[in-house]
Amino acid sequence: MADKGNDPVAMWQNMIGEMEKGFNSFANQAMSSPEFSKLMNQAGGAAAGAQKHLGELMEKYLVSMNLPSRAQMVGMAERLQSIEGQLNEIKAMLTQMSKASGQSAVGGTTPMPPRTKRPPSAEGEPK
């Protein structure tokens, strides 16, 4: 086995570890300063403003293209879910009413009895 002082892998790992320690120390000092906090606050505010502006532009673009916006699609989906819920309630009430009156399920009709009487044949008919 190679000596620890001459091992290139160990030297590389040692160098990377020292670089990480130095970087962490520098980053901790930088983040603790009030200037860093102020800069990050400004950057966050600018990003939020840009995102809001982009949303407004996208809304105008969709209106000009006669397409619904995300908010309008969400509203339609909520209304559709509400309508589906009401239809399910109506269907359940109709099923209960039909069971109470002794009829078959909703949408079904009472089956017709089978036809057993045959029409007379054309040859043996009296005139």
N, C-alpha and C. Protein backbone atom coordinates (compact mmCIF):
# COMPACT_ATOMS: atom_id res chain seq x y z
N MET A 1 0.82 -1.17 0.00
CA MET A 1 0.00 0.00 0.00
C MET A 1 0.87 1.24 0.00
N ALA A 2 0.39 2.26 -0.62
CA ALA A 2 1.18 3.50 -0.70
C ALA A 2 1.12 4.24 0.62
N ASP A 3 2.16 4.99 0.88
CA ASP A 3 2.25 5.81 2.08
C ASP A 3 1.20 6.92 1.99
N LYS A 4 0.56 7.26 3.13
CA LYS A 4 -0.50 8.27 3.16
C LYS A 4 0.00 9.61 2.64
N GLY A 5 1.27 9.94 2.87
CA GLY A 5 1.81 11.22 2.41
C GLY A 5 2.02 11.26 0.92
N ASN A 6 2.17 10.10 0.26
CA ASN A 6 2.41 10.05 -1.18
C ASN A 6 1.19 9.61 -1.97
N ASP A 7 0.09 9.28 -1.30
CA ASP A 7 -1.12 8.79 -1.97
C ASP A 7 -1.84 9.95 -2.64
N PRO A 8 -1.95 9.95 -3.99
CA PRO A 8 -2.60 11.08 -4.69
C PRO A 8 -4.09 11.20 -4.37
N VAL A 9 -4.78 10.09 -4.12
CA VAL A 9 -6.20 10.14 -3.81
C VAL A 9 -6.40 10.81 -2.45
N ALA A 10 -5.57 10.46 -1.49
CA ALA A 10 -5.68 11.07 -0.16
C ALA A 10 -5.36 12.55 -0.22
N MET A 11 -4.37 12.92 -1.02
CA MET A 11 -4.02 14.35 -1.17
C MET A 11 -5.20 15.10 -1.81
N TRP A 12 -5.81 14.49 -2.81
CA TRP A 12 -6.97 15.12 -3.49
C TRP A 12 -8.12 15.31 -2.50
N GLN A 13 -8.43 14.27 -1.72
CA GLN A 13 -9.51 14.36 -0.74
C GLN A 13 -9.21 15.43 0.30
N ASN A 14 -7.97 15.51 0.73
CA ASN A 14 -7.56 16.53 1.71
C ASN A 14 -7.72 17.93 1.12
N MET A 15 -7.31 18.10 -0.15
CA MET A 15 -7.42 19.40 -0.80
C MET A 15 -8.90 19.82 -0.94
N ILE A 16 -9.74 18.88 -1.35
CA ILE A 16 -11.17 19.17 -1.51
C ILE A 16 -11.79 19.53 -0.16
N GLY A 17 -11.43 18.81 0.88
CA GLY A 17 -11.94 19.10 2.22
C GLY A 17 -11.55 20.49 2.69
N GLU A 18 -10.30 20.89 2.45
CA GLU A 18 -9.85 22.23 2.85
C GLU A 18 -10.56 23.31 2.04
N MET A 19 -10.79 23.04 0.74
CA MET A 19 -11.51 24.01 -0.09
C MET A 19 -12.95 24.17 0.41
N GLU A 20 -13.59 23.06 0.78
CA GLU A 20 -14.96 23.14 1.30
C GLU A 20 -15.02 23.95 2.59
N LYS A 21 -14.05 23.72 3.48
CA LYS A 21 -14.00 24.48 4.73
C LYS A 21 -13.84 25.97 4.46
N GLY A 22 -12.94 26.32 3.54
CA GLY A 22 -12.72 27.73 3.19
C GLY A 22 -13.96 28.36 2.58
N PHE A 23 -14.60 27.63 1.67
CA PHE A 23 -15.81 28.16 1.03
C PHE A 23 -16.93 28.35 2.04
N ASN A 24 -17.13 27.36 2.93
CA ASN A 24 -18.17 27.48 3.95
C ASN A 24 -17.90 28.66 4.87
N SER A 25 -16.64 28.87 5.24
CA SER A 25 -16.30 30.00 6.10
C SER A 25 -16.61 31.32 5.40
N PHE A 26 -16.21 31.43 4.12
CA PHE A 26 -16.47 32.65 3.36
C PHE A 26 -17.99 32.88 3.20
N ALA A 27 -18.73 31.81 2.88
CA ALA A 27 -20.18 31.95 2.68
C ALA A 27 -20.87 32.35 3.98
N ASN A 28 -20.47 31.78 5.09
CA ASN A 28 -21.07 32.15 6.38
C ASN A 28 -20.82 33.62 6.72
N GLN A 29 -19.61 34.10 6.45
CA GLN A 29 -19.30 35.51 6.71
C GLN A 29 -20.13 36.41 5.79
N ALA A 30 -20.23 36.02 4.52
CA ALA A 30 -20.98 36.84 3.56
C ALA A 30 -22.46 36.88 3.91
N MET A 31 -23.03 35.74 4.30
CA MET A 31 -24.47 35.68 4.59
C MET A 31 -24.82 36.37 5.90
N SER A 32 -23.88 36.52 6.78
CA SER A 32 -24.19 37.17 8.06
C SER A 32 -24.17 38.69 7.95
N SER A 33 -23.68 39.22 6.85
CA SER A 33 -23.61 40.68 6.72
C SER A 33 -24.98 41.25 6.35
N PRO A 34 -25.28 42.47 6.81
CA PRO A 34 -26.57 43.09 6.47
C PRO A 34 -26.68 43.43 4.98
N GLU A 35 -25.54 43.68 4.35
CA GLU A 35 -25.58 43.98 2.91
C GLU A 35 -26.09 42.78 2.10
N PHE A 36 -25.67 41.57 2.50
CA PHE A 36 -26.13 40.36 1.82
C PHE A 36 -27.63 40.19 1.97
N SER A 37 -28.13 40.41 3.19
CA SER A 37 -29.57 40.29 3.43
C SER A 37 -30.35 41.29 2.59
N LYS A 38 -29.84 42.52 2.53
CA LYS A 38 -30.50 43.56 1.75
C LYS A 38 -30.51 43.19 0.27
N LEU A 39 -29.38 42.71 -0.22
CA LEU A 39 -29.27 42.33 -1.63
C LEU A 39 -30.21 41.18 -1.97
N MET A 40 -30.27 40.18 -1.10
CA MET A 40 -31.16 39.04 -1.34
C MET A 40 -32.63 39.46 -1.30
N ASN A 41 -32.97 40.38 -0.41
CA ASN A 41 -34.34 40.89 -0.32
C ASN A 41 -34.71 41.61 -1.61
N GLN A 42 -33.78 42.42 -2.12
CA GLN A 42 -34.03 43.15 -3.37
C GLN A 42 -34.18 42.19 -4.54
N ALA A 43 -33.32 41.16 -4.56
CA ALA A 43 -33.40 40.19 -5.65
C ALA A 43 -34.73 39.43 -5.60
N GLY A 44 -35.17 39.06 -4.40
CA GLY A 44 -36.46 38.37 -4.27
C GLY A 44 -37.62 39.26 -4.68
N GLY A 45 -37.57 40.53 -4.31
CA GLY A 45 -38.61 41.47 -4.70
C GLY A 45 -38.66 41.66 -6.20
N ALA A 46 -37.48 41.76 -6.82
CA ALA A 46 -37.42 41.94 -8.28
C ALA A 46 -37.97 40.70 -8.98
N ALA A 47 -37.65 39.52 -8.48
CA ALA A 47 -38.15 38.29 -9.10
C ALA A 47 -39.66 38.20 -8.96
N ALA A 48 -40.19 38.58 -7.80
CA ALA A 48 -41.64 38.54 -7.60
C ALA A 48 -42.34 39.54 -8.53
N GLY A 49 -41.76 40.72 -8.67
CA GLY A 49 -42.34 41.72 -9.57
C GLY A 49 -42.32 41.25 -11.01
N ALA A 50 -41.20 40.65 -11.42
CA ALA A 50 -41.10 40.15 -12.79
C ALA A 50 -42.11 39.04 -13.04
N GLN A 51 -42.31 38.17 -12.06
CA GLN A 51 -43.27 37.09 -12.21
C GLN A 51 -44.69 37.63 -12.32
N LYS A 52 -45.02 38.64 -11.54
CA LYS A 52 -46.35 39.25 -11.60
C LYS A 52 -46.56 39.91 -12.96
N HIS A 53 -45.55 40.61 -13.43
CA HIS A 53 -45.65 41.28 -14.73
C HIS A 53 -45.81 40.26 -15.85
N LEU A 54 -45.06 39.17 -15.79
CA LEU A 54 -45.18 38.12 -16.80
C LEU A 54 -46.58 37.51 -16.78
N GLY A 55 -47.14 37.32 -15.59
CA GLY A 55 -48.49 36.80 -15.48
C GLY A 55 -49.52 37.72 -16.12
N GLU A 56 -49.35 39.02 -15.90
CA GLU A 56 -50.27 40.00 -16.50
C GLU A 56 -50.14 39.99 -18.02
N LEU A 57 -48.90 39.92 -18.53
CA LEU A 57 -48.70 39.88 -19.98
C LEU A 57 -49.31 38.62 -20.58
N MET A 58 -49.15 37.50 -19.89
CA MET A 58 -49.71 36.24 -20.38
C MET A 58 -51.23 36.30 -20.40
N GLU A 59 -51.81 36.92 -19.37
CA GLU A 59 -53.27 37.09 -19.32
C GLU A 59 -53.76 37.91 -20.52
N LYS A 60 -53.07 39.02 -20.82
CA LYS A 60 -53.45 39.86 -21.96
C LYS A 60 -53.29 39.10 -23.27
N TYR A 61 -52.23 38.32 -23.38
CA TYR A 61 -52.00 37.54 -24.59
C TYR A 61 -53.12 36.52 -24.80
N LEU A 62 -53.49 35.82 -23.74
CA LEU A 62 -54.55 34.81 -23.85
C LEU A 62 -55.88 35.46 -24.21
N VAL A 63 -56.16 36.62 -23.63
CA VAL A 63 -57.41 37.34 -23.96
C VAL A 63 -57.40 37.72 -25.45
N SER A 64 -56.26 38.22 -25.94
CA SER A 64 -56.18 38.62 -27.35
C SER A 64 -56.32 37.42 -28.28
N MET A 65 -55.90 36.25 -27.83
CA MET A 65 -56.03 35.04 -28.63
C MET A 65 -57.38 34.35 -28.42
N ASN A 66 -58.24 34.95 -27.60
CA ASN A 66 -59.55 34.41 -27.28
C ASN A 66 -59.45 33.02 -26.63
N LEU A 67 -58.47 32.88 -25.71
CA LEU A 67 -58.26 31.63 -24.99
C LEU A 67 -58.47 31.89 -23.50
N PRO A 68 -58.93 30.89 -22.76
CA PRO A 68 -59.13 31.09 -21.32
C PRO A 68 -57.80 31.09 -20.57
N SER A 69 -57.75 31.87 -19.51
CA SER A 69 -56.55 31.90 -18.67
C SER A 69 -56.59 30.73 -17.70
N ARG A 70 -55.52 30.55 -16.96
CA ARG A 70 -55.46 29.47 -15.97
C ARG A 70 -56.55 29.67 -14.91
N ALA A 71 -56.72 30.90 -14.46
CA ALA A 71 -57.73 31.18 -13.44
C ALA A 71 -59.13 30.84 -13.96
N GLN A 72 -59.39 31.17 -15.22
CA GLN A 72 -60.70 30.85 -15.80
C GLN A 72 -60.89 29.35 -15.93
N MET A 73 -59.83 28.63 -16.31
CA MET A 73 -59.93 27.16 -16.41
C MET A 73 -60.17 26.53 -15.05
N VAL A 74 -59.51 27.04 -14.02
CA VAL A 74 -59.73 26.52 -12.67
C VAL A 74 -61.17 26.78 -12.24
N GLY A 75 -61.68 27.98 -12.55
CA GLY A 75 -63.07 28.30 -12.23
C GLY A 75 -64.05 27.38 -12.93
N MET A 76 -63.79 27.11 -14.21
CA MET A 76 -64.68 26.20 -14.95
C MET A 76 -64.63 24.79 -14.38
N ALA A 77 -63.44 24.33 -14.01
CA ALA A 77 -63.31 22.99 -13.43
C ALA A 77 -64.06 22.90 -12.11
N GLU A 78 -64.00 23.94 -11.29
CA GLU A 78 -64.72 23.93 -10.02
C GLU A 78 -66.22 23.91 -10.25
N ARG A 79 -66.69 24.71 -11.21
CA ARG A 79 -68.13 24.71 -11.52
C ARG A 79 -68.57 23.34 -12.05
N LEU A 80 -67.75 22.75 -12.90
CA LEU A 80 -68.08 21.44 -13.46
C LEU A 80 -68.15 20.38 -12.37
N GLN A 81 -67.23 20.41 -11.43
CA GLN A 81 -67.28 19.46 -10.31
C GLN A 81 -68.53 19.66 -9.48
N SER A 82 -68.93 20.91 -9.29
CA SER A 82 -70.15 21.20 -8.53
C SER A 82 -71.37 20.64 -9.26
N ILE A 83 -71.43 20.82 -10.56
CA ILE A 83 -72.55 20.31 -11.35
C ILE A 83 -72.58 18.79 -11.30
N GLU A 84 -71.42 18.16 -11.42
CA GLU A 84 -71.37 16.70 -11.36
C GLU A 84 -71.85 16.19 -10.00
N GLY A 85 -71.49 16.89 -8.95
CA GLY A 85 -71.95 16.50 -7.61
C GLY A 85 -73.46 16.61 -7.49
N GLN A 86 -74.02 17.68 -8.03
CA GLN A 86 -75.47 17.85 -7.99
C GLN A 86 -76.17 16.77 -8.81
N LEU A 87 -75.61 16.43 -9.97
CA LEU A 87 -76.20 15.37 -10.79
C LEU A 87 -76.16 14.03 -10.07
N ASN A 88 -75.06 13.75 -9.37
CA ASN A 88 -74.98 12.50 -8.61
C ASN A 88 -76.02 12.47 -7.50
N GLU A 89 -76.26 13.60 -6.85
CA GLU A 89 -77.29 13.66 -5.81
C GLU A 89 -78.67 13.42 -6.40
N ILE A 90 -78.95 14.03 -7.55
CA ILE A 90 -80.25 13.84 -8.21
C ILE A 90 -80.42 12.39 -8.61
N LYS A 91 -79.35 11.79 -9.14
CA LYS A 91 -79.43 10.39 -9.55
C LYS A 91 -79.69 9.49 -8.34
N ALA A 92 -79.06 9.77 -7.23
CA ALA A 92 -79.28 8.97 -6.01
C ALA A 92 -80.72 9.12 -5.53
N MET A 93 -81.25 10.34 -5.57
CA MET A 93 -82.64 10.55 -5.14
C MET A 93 -83.61 9.82 -6.07
N LEU A 94 -83.36 9.87 -7.38
CA LEU A 94 -84.23 9.16 -8.32
C LEU A 94 -84.17 7.65 -8.10
N THR A 95 -82.99 7.14 -7.81
CA THR A 95 -82.86 5.70 -7.54
C THR A 95 -83.65 5.32 -6.30
N GLN A 96 -83.57 6.13 -5.25
CA GLN A 96 -84.33 5.87 -4.03
C GLN A 96 -85.82 5.92 -4.29
N MET A 97 -86.26 6.91 -5.08
CA MET A 97 -87.69 7.04 -5.39
C MET A 97 -88.18 5.85 -6.20
N SER A 98 -87.37 5.39 -7.15
CA SER A 98 -87.82 4.27 -7.97
C SER A 98 -87.86 2.98 -7.16
N LYS A 99 -86.93 2.81 -6.22
CA LYS A 99 -86.95 1.63 -5.36
C LYS A 99 -88.17 1.66 -4.45
N ALA A 100 -88.50 2.85 -3.96
CA ALA A 100 -89.64 2.98 -3.06
C ALA A 100 -90.95 2.69 -3.80
N SER A 101 -91.03 3.03 -5.09
CA SER A 101 -92.26 2.80 -5.84
C SER A 101 -92.29 1.43 -6.49
N GLY A 102 -91.19 0.67 -6.40
CA GLY A 102 -91.16 -0.70 -6.94
C GLY A 102 -90.80 -0.76 -8.40
N GLN A 103 -90.34 0.28 -8.99
CA GLN A 103 -89.96 0.26 -10.39
C GLN A 103 -88.51 -0.17 -10.51
N SER A 104 -88.09 -0.41 -11.77
CA SER A 104 -86.70 -0.80 -12.00
C SER A 104 -85.80 0.43 -11.87
N ALA A 105 -84.51 0.25 -12.07
CA ALA A 105 -83.52 1.32 -11.87
C ALA A 105 -83.78 2.49 -12.79
N VAL A 106 -83.19 3.63 -12.45
CA VAL A 106 -83.35 4.87 -13.21
C VAL A 106 -82.81 4.65 -14.62
N GLY A 107 -83.56 5.12 -15.60
CA GLY A 107 -83.12 5.02 -16.98
C GLY A 107 -83.57 3.73 -17.64
N GLY A 108 -83.93 2.74 -16.85
CA GLY A 108 -84.40 1.48 -17.40
C GLY A 108 -85.91 1.50 -17.56
N THR A 109 -86.42 0.71 -18.47
CA THR A 109 -87.87 0.62 -18.64
C THR A 109 -88.31 -0.76 -18.21
N THR A 110 -89.58 -0.90 -17.92
CA THR A 110 -90.12 -2.19 -17.52
C THR A 110 -90.05 -3.11 -18.72
N PRO A 111 -89.48 -4.31 -18.57
CA PRO A 111 -89.36 -5.20 -19.73
C PRO A 111 -90.74 -5.68 -20.17
N MET A 112 -90.91 -5.78 -21.47
CA MET A 112 -92.17 -6.25 -22.04
C MET A 112 -92.23 -7.77 -21.92
N PRO A 113 -93.42 -8.30 -21.68
CA PRO A 113 -93.53 -9.76 -21.61
C PRO A 113 -93.28 -10.36 -23.00
N PRO A 114 -92.83 -11.61 -23.06
CA PRO A 114 -92.56 -12.20 -24.37
C PRO A 114 -93.86 -12.44 -25.13
N ARG A 115 -93.80 -12.34 -26.42
CA ARG A 115 -94.97 -12.53 -27.27
C ARG A 115 -95.13 -14.02 -27.54
N THR A 116 -96.26 -14.58 -27.10
CA THR A 116 -96.48 -16.03 -27.25
C THR A 116 -97.50 -16.35 -28.34
N LYS A 117 -98.38 -15.42 -28.64
CA LYS A 117 -99.41 -15.66 -29.65
C LYS A 117 -98.81 -15.40 -31.02
N ARG A 118 -98.97 -16.36 -31.92
CA ARG A 118 -98.43 -16.25 -33.26
C ARG A 118 -99.53 -15.80 -34.21
N PRO A 119 -99.17 -15.00 -35.23
CA PRO A 119 -100.20 -14.63 -36.21
C PRO A 119 -100.58 -15.84 -37.08
N PRO A 120 -101.82 -15.84 -37.57
CA PRO A 120 -102.23 -16.97 -38.41
C PRO A 120 -101.42 -16.99 -39.70
N SER A 121 -101.24 -18.20 -40.24
CA SER A 121 -100.46 -18.31 -41.49
C SER A 121 -101.32 -17.86 -42.65
N ALA A 122 -100.71 -17.44 -43.72
CA ALA A 122 -101.40 -16.88 -44.87
C ALA A 122 -102.07 -17.96 -45.70
N GLU A 123 -101.61 -19.21 -45.69
CA GLU A 123 -102.14 -20.27 -46.55
C GLU A 123 -103.45 -20.84 -46.01
N GLY A 124 -103.53 -21.05 -44.74
CA GLY A 124 -104.69 -21.74 -44.22
C GLY A 124 -105.78 -20.82 -43.73
N GLU A 125 -105.81 -19.61 -44.18
CA GLU A 125 -106.81 -18.67 -43.70
C GLU A 125 -108.12 -18.84 -44.44
N PRO A 126 -109.19 -18.83 -43.69
CA PRO A 126 -110.48 -18.85 -44.38
C PRO A 126 -110.81 -17.45 -44.89
N LYS A 127 -111.54 -17.43 -46.01
CA LYS A 127 -111.88 -16.14 -46.60
C LYS A 127 -113.29 -15.80 -46.41
